C-alpha atoms as a PDB file:
ATOM      1  CA  UNK A   1     116.431 302.044 -64.733  1.00  0.00           C
ATOM      2  CA  UNK A   2     117.730 298.501 -64.301  1.00  0.00           C
ATOM      3  CA  UNK A   3     119.215 296.767 -67.326  1.00  0.00           C
ATOM      4  CA  UNK A   4     118.001 293.511 -68.758  1.00  0.00           C
ATOM      5  CA  UNK A   5     120.399 290.583 -68.941  1.00  0.00           C
ATOM      6  CA  UNK A   6     119.307 289.162 -72.269  1.00  0.00           C
ATOM      7  CA  UNK A   7     121.378 287.893 -75.179  1.00  0.00           C
ATOM      8  CA  UNK A   8     123.941 290.705 -75.384  1.00  0.00           C
ATOM      9  CA  UNK A   9     127.543 289.470 -75.651  1.00  0.00           C
ATOM     10  CA  UNK A  10     129.398 290.148 -72.402  1.00  0.00           C
ATOM     11  CA  UNK A  11     133.026 291.194 -72.841  1.00  0.00           C
ATOM     12  CA  UNK A  12     134.118 291.613 -69.201  1.00  0.00           C
ATOM     13  CA  UNK A  13     132.701 290.990 -65.725  1.00  0.00           C
ATOM     14  CA  UNK A  14     133.701 292.388 -62.363  1.00  0.00           C
ATOM     15  CA  UNK A  15     134.066 289.232 -60.278  1.00  0.00           C
ATOM     16  CA  UNK A  16     135.089 291.096 -57.125  1.00  0.00           C
ATOM     17  CA  UNK A  17     131.872 293.117 -57.021  1.00  0.00           C
ATOM     18  CA  UNK A  18     129.644 290.289 -55.801  1.00  0.00           C
ATOM     19  CA  UNK A  19     132.069 289.349 -53.067  1.00  0.00           C
ATOM     20  CA  UNK A  20     132.993 292.805 -51.787  1.00  0.00           C
ATOM     21  CA  UNK A  21     129.789 294.812 -52.278  1.00  0.00           C
ATOM     22  CA  UNK A  22     126.037 294.745 -51.860  1.00  0.00           C
ATOM     23  CA  UNK A  23     124.408 295.953 -55.087  1.00  0.00           C
ATOM     24  CA  UNK A  24     121.684 298.524 -54.422  1.00  0.00           C
ATOM     25  CA  UNK A  25     120.766 299.650 -57.969  1.00  0.00           C
ATOM     26  CA  UNK A  26     122.050 299.104 -61.496  1.00  0.00           C
ATOM     27  CA  UNK A  27     122.184 301.502 -64.454  1.00  0.00           C
ATOM     28  CA  UNK A  28     123.245 301.299 -68.072  1.00  0.00           C
ATOM     29  CA  UNK A  29     125.832 303.770 -69.369  1.00  0.00           C
ATOM     30  CA  UNK A  30     127.503 304.231 -72.711  1.00  0.00           C
ATOM     31  CA  UNK A  31     131.268 304.028 -72.903  1.00  0.00           C
ATOM     32  CA  UNK A  32     133.263 306.648 -74.786  1.00  0.00           C
ATOM     33  CA  UNK A  33     136.196 304.912 -76.486  1.00  0.00           C
ATOM     34  CA  UNK A  34     139.092 306.077 -78.646  1.00  0.00           C
ATOM     35  CA  UNK A  35     140.498 304.491 -81.787  1.00  0.00           C
ATOM     36  CA  UNK A  36     140.912 300.737 -81.684  1.00  0.00           C
ATOM     37  CA  UNK A  37     139.733 300.171 -78.091  1.00  0.00           C
ATOM     38  CA  UNK A  38     136.430 298.667 -79.249  1.00  0.00           C
ATOM     39  CA  UNK A  39     138.312 296.021 -81.266  1.00  0.00           C
ATOM     40  CA  UNK A  40     140.261 294.957 -78.183  1.00  0.00           C
ATOM     41  CA  UNK A  41     137.100 294.936 -76.075  1.00  0.00           C
ATOM     42  CA  UNK A  42     135.298 292.745 -78.619  1.00  0.00           C
ATOM     43  CA  UNK A  43     138.194 290.290 -78.330  1.00  0.00           C
ATOM     44  CA  UNK A  44     137.626 290.190 -74.520  1.00  0.00           C
ATOM     45  CA  UNK A  45     141.001 291.867 -73.903  1.00  0.00           C
ATOM     46  CA  UNK A  46     139.807 294.173 -71.134  1.00  0.00           C
ATOM     47  CA  UNK A  47     139.461 294.087 -67.363  1.00  0.00           C
ATOM     48  CA  UNK A  48     137.208 295.980 -64.943  1.00  0.00           C
ATOM     49  CA  UNK A  49     138.062 294.129 -61.725  1.00  0.00           C
ATOM     50  CA  UNK A  50     139.640 297.160 -60.038  1.00  0.00           C
ATOM     51  CA  UNK A  51     137.493 299.769 -61.752  1.00  0.00           C
ATOM     52  CA  UNK A  52     135.237 302.368 -60.191  1.00  0.00           C
ATOM     53  CA  UNK A  53     133.226 305.342 -61.403  1.00  0.00           C
ATOM     54  CA  UNK A  54     133.274 308.869 -60.079  1.00  0.00           C
ATOM     55  CA  UNK A  55     131.190 311.955 -60.770  1.00  0.00           C
ATOM     56  CA  UNK A  56     133.325 315.013 -61.537  1.00  0.00           C
ATOM     57  CA  UNK A  57     131.142 318.078 -61.818  1.00  0.00           C
ATOM     58  CA  UNK A  58     128.337 317.098 -64.148  1.00  0.00           C
ATOM     59  CA  UNK A  59     130.165 314.266 -65.932  1.00  0.00           C
ATOM     60  CA  UNK A  60     130.682 310.614 -65.075  1.00  0.00           C
ATOM     61  CA  UNK A  61     134.081 308.925 -65.518  1.00  0.00           C
ATOM     62  CA  UNK A  62     135.345 305.349 -65.269  1.00  0.00           C
ATOM     63  CA  UNK A  63     138.745 304.841 -63.616  1.00  0.00           C
ATOM     64  CA  UNK A  64     141.196 301.897 -63.706  1.00  0.00           C
ATOM     65  CA  UNK A  65     139.608 300.056 -66.630  1.00  0.00           C
ATOM     66  CA  UNK A  66     142.344 298.212 -68.492  1.00  0.00           C
ATOM     67  CA  UNK A  67     142.057 297.692 -72.273  1.00  0.00           C
ATOM     68  CA  UNK A  68     144.974 295.849 -73.882  1.00  0.00           C
ATOM     69  CA  UNK A  69     146.399 297.542 -76.971  1.00  0.00           C
ATOM     70  CA  UNK A  70     145.089 296.207 -80.275  1.00  0.00           C
ATOM     71  CA  UNK A  71     148.130 294.462 -81.845  1.00  0.00           C
ATOM     72  CA  UNK A  72     147.355 295.341 -85.469  1.00  0.00           C
ATOM     73  CA  UNK A  73     147.043 299.084 -84.743  1.00  0.00           C
ATOM     74  CA  UNK A  74     150.767 299.622 -84.061  1.00  0.00           C
ATOM     75  CA  UNK A  75     151.346 303.119 -82.711  1.00  0.00           C
ATOM     76  CA  UNK A  76     147.770 304.383 -82.794  1.00  0.00           C
ATOM     77  CA  UNK A  77     146.693 302.661 -79.578  1.00  0.00           C
ATOM     78  CA  UNK A  78     145.595 304.841 -76.658  1.00  0.00           C
ATOM     79  CA  UNK A  79     146.900 304.229 -73.153  1.00  0.00           C
ATOM     80  CA  UNK A  80     145.716 300.872 -71.676  1.00  0.00           C
ATOM     81  CA  UNK A  81     144.683 302.394 -68.344  1.00  0.00           C
ATOM     82  CA  UNK A  82     143.135 305.818 -68.725  1.00  0.00           C
ATOM     83  CA  UNK A  83     140.085 307.690 -67.528  1.00  0.00           C
ATOM     84  CA  UNK A  84     137.118 306.985 -69.795  1.00  0.00           C
ATOM     85  CA  UNK A  85     133.963 309.047 -69.943  1.00  0.00           C
ATOM     86  CA  UNK A  86     130.641 307.329 -69.306  1.00  0.00           C
ATOM     87  CA  UNK A  87     127.603 308.565 -71.187  1.00  0.00           C
ATOM     88  CA  UNK A  88     124.341 309.008 -69.270  1.00  0.00           C
ATOM     89  CA  UNK A  89     121.516 311.505 -69.196  1.00  0.00           C
ATOM     90  CA  UNK A  90     122.036 314.521 -66.981  1.00  0.00           C
ATOM     91  CA  UNK A  91     119.099 313.681 -64.676  1.00  0.00           C
ATOM     92  CA  UNK A  92     120.497 310.169 -64.150  1.00  0.00           C
ATOM     93  CA  UNK A  93     123.899 311.588 -63.210  1.00  0.00           C
ATOM     94  CA  UNK A  94     122.212 314.011 -60.786  1.00  0.00           C
ATOM     95  CA  UNK A  95     120.308 311.087 -59.228  1.00  0.00           C
ATOM     96  CA  UNK A  96     123.536 309.070 -58.922  1.00  0.00           C
ATOM     97  CA  UNK A  97     125.361 311.963 -57.274  1.00  0.00           C
ATOM     98  CA  UNK A  98     122.644 312.087 -54.624  1.00  0.00           C
ATOM     99  CA  UNK A  99     123.026 308.347 -53.963  1.00  0.00           C
ATOM    100  CA  UNK A 100     126.828 308.430 -53.894  1.00  0.00           C
ATOM    101  CA  UNK A 101     126.860 311.255 -51.370  1.00  0.00           C
ATOM    102  CA  UNK A 102     125.709 308.731 -48.733  1.00  0.00           C
ATOM    103  CA  UNK A 103     128.275 307.055 -46.516  1.00  0.00           C
ATOM    104  CA  UNK A 104     129.980 303.875 -47.822  1.00  0.00           C
ATOM    105  CA  UNK A 105     128.222 304.061 -51.213  1.00  0.00           C
ATOM    106  CA  UNK A 106     130.146 304.043 -54.496  1.00  0.00           C
ATOM    107  CA  UNK A 107     129.766 303.310 -58.211  1.00  0.00           C
ATOM    108  CA  UNK A 108     131.274 300.099 -59.585  1.00  0.00           C
ATOM    109  CA  UNK A 109     131.003 298.589 -63.100  1.00  0.00           C
ATOM    110  CA  UNK A 110     129.582 295.069 -63.097  1.00  0.00           C
ATOM    111  CA  UNK A 111     130.029 294.128 -66.741  1.00  0.00           C
ATOM    112  CA  UNK A 112     130.824 295.466 -70.208  1.00  0.00           C
ATOM    113  CA  UNK A 113     128.584 294.262 -73.010  1.00  0.00           C
ATOM    114  CA  UNK A 114     127.415 295.131 -76.497  1.00  0.00           C
ATOM    115  CA  UNK A 115     123.947 296.447 -77.211  1.00  0.00           C
ATOM    116  CA  UNK A 116     122.894 297.421 -80.752  1.00  0.00           C
ATOM    117  CA  UNK A 117     126.560 297.484 -81.777  1.00  0.00           C
ATOM    118  CA  UNK A 118     127.644 299.876 -79.003  1.00  0.00           C
ATOM    119  CA  UNK A 119     129.752 299.178 -75.924  1.00  0.00           C
ATOM    120  CA  UNK A 120     127.753 299.581 -72.719  1.00  0.00           C
ATOM    121  CA  UNK A 121     128.675 299.379 -69.044  1.00  0.00           C
ATOM    122  CA  UNK A 122     126.355 298.049 -66.367  1.00  0.00           C
ATOM    123  CA  UNK A 123     127.080 300.458 -63.525  1.00  0.00           C
ATOM    124  CA  UNK A 124     125.976 299.577 -60.012  1.00  0.00           C
ATOM    125  CA  UNK A 125     125.419 301.704 -56.931  1.00  0.00           C
ATOM    126  CA  UNK A 126     127.004 299.520 -54.256  1.00  0.00           C
ATOM    127  CA  UNK A 127     127.612 299.547 -50.536  1.00  0.00           C
ATOM    128  CA  UNK A 128     130.781 297.920 -49.241  1.00  0.00           C
ATOM    129  CA  UNK A 129     130.415 294.758 -47.201  1.00  0.00           C
ATOM    130  CA  UNK A 130     132.071 294.711 -43.823  1.00  0.00           C
ATOM    131  CA  UNK A 131     134.297 291.868 -42.675  1.00  0.00           C
ATOM    132  CA  UNK A 132     131.669 290.312 -40.406  1.00  0.00           C
ATOM    133  CA  UNK A 133     129.143 290.334 -43.264  1.00  0.00           C
ATOM    134  CA  UNK A 134     131.588 288.416 -45.432  1.00  0.00           C
ATOM    135  CA  UNK A 135     132.185 285.908 -42.633  1.00  0.00           C
ATOM    136  CA  UNK A 136     128.431 285.426 -42.166  1.00  0.00           C
ATOM    137  CA  UNK A 137     128.049 284.751 -45.891  1.00  0.00           C
ATOM    138  CA  UNK A 138     130.833 282.136 -45.721  1.00  0.00           C
ATOM    139  CA  UNK A 139     129.130 280.454 -42.732  1.00  0.00           C
ATOM    140  CA  UNK A 140     125.804 280.354 -44.572  1.00  0.00           C
ATOM    141  CA  UNK A 141     127.414 278.862 -47.660  1.00  0.00           C
ATOM    142  CA  UNK A 142     129.189 276.166 -45.604  1.00  0.00           C
ATOM    143  CA  UNK A 143     125.960 275.298 -43.774  1.00  0.00           C
ATOM    144  CA  UNK A 144     124.030 274.939 -47.023  1.00  0.00           C
ATOM    145  CA  UNK A 145     126.785 272.684 -48.426  1.00  0.00           C
ATOM    146  CA  UNK A 146     126.603 270.459 -45.350  1.00  0.00           C
ATOM    147  CA  UNK A 147     122.828 270.251 -45.688  1.00  0.00           C
ATOM    148  CA  UNK A 148     123.152 269.286 -49.365  1.00  0.00           C
ATOM    149  CA  UNK A 149     125.723 266.586 -48.490  1.00  0.00           C
ATOM    150  CA  UNK A 150     123.469 265.174 -45.788  1.00  0.00           C
ATOM    151  CA  UNK A 151     120.487 265.140 -48.146  1.00  0.00           C
ATOM    152  CA  UNK A 152     122.494 263.321 -50.820  1.00  0.00           C
ATOM    153  CA  UNK A 153     123.650 260.742 -48.247  1.00  0.00           C
ATOM    154  CA  UNK A 154     120.078 260.260 -47.050  1.00  0.00           C
ATOM    155  CA  UNK A 155     118.746 259.883 -50.596  1.00  0.00           C
ATOM    156  CA  UNK A 156     121.443 257.297 -51.467  1.00  0.00           C
ATOM    157  CA  UNK A 157     120.717 255.277 -48.325  1.00  0.00           C
ATOM    158  CA  UNK A 158     116.941 255.267 -48.951  1.00  0.00           C
ATOM    159  CA  UNK A 159     117.377 253.990 -52.528  1.00  0.00           C
END
């Protein structure tokens, strides 16, 4: 059920997700929007950095997604931060509820993109990283940078 990352235009990315979570699985979900929200999203005037998804009963909802009001719509704009319904098949929602029932596992949107003219959300089943895991990742990144610097120095001296 993983989504392909082809040539769809991406409107928003969750930059915190890669740093704070380990992605276990990804799913594609439709996004139910009201009024002029799609116009604002197409102008990249939305944010999903603090967003998360939750299963309420048999439906899936996205919380804390911010969509700026469309300026030309005047008073017909919906609330910028509101609960938005995500559209998935029932069996997929049932599968997700089984995964989310595990400890430290949650649903986080990774990106919002357009596919065949419709707004879609790439939803990920993630497990939160612990502090020591983040520190280990920083150590690994620093070590690889030092190795790259040493290799560049060695290559310059051998030329």
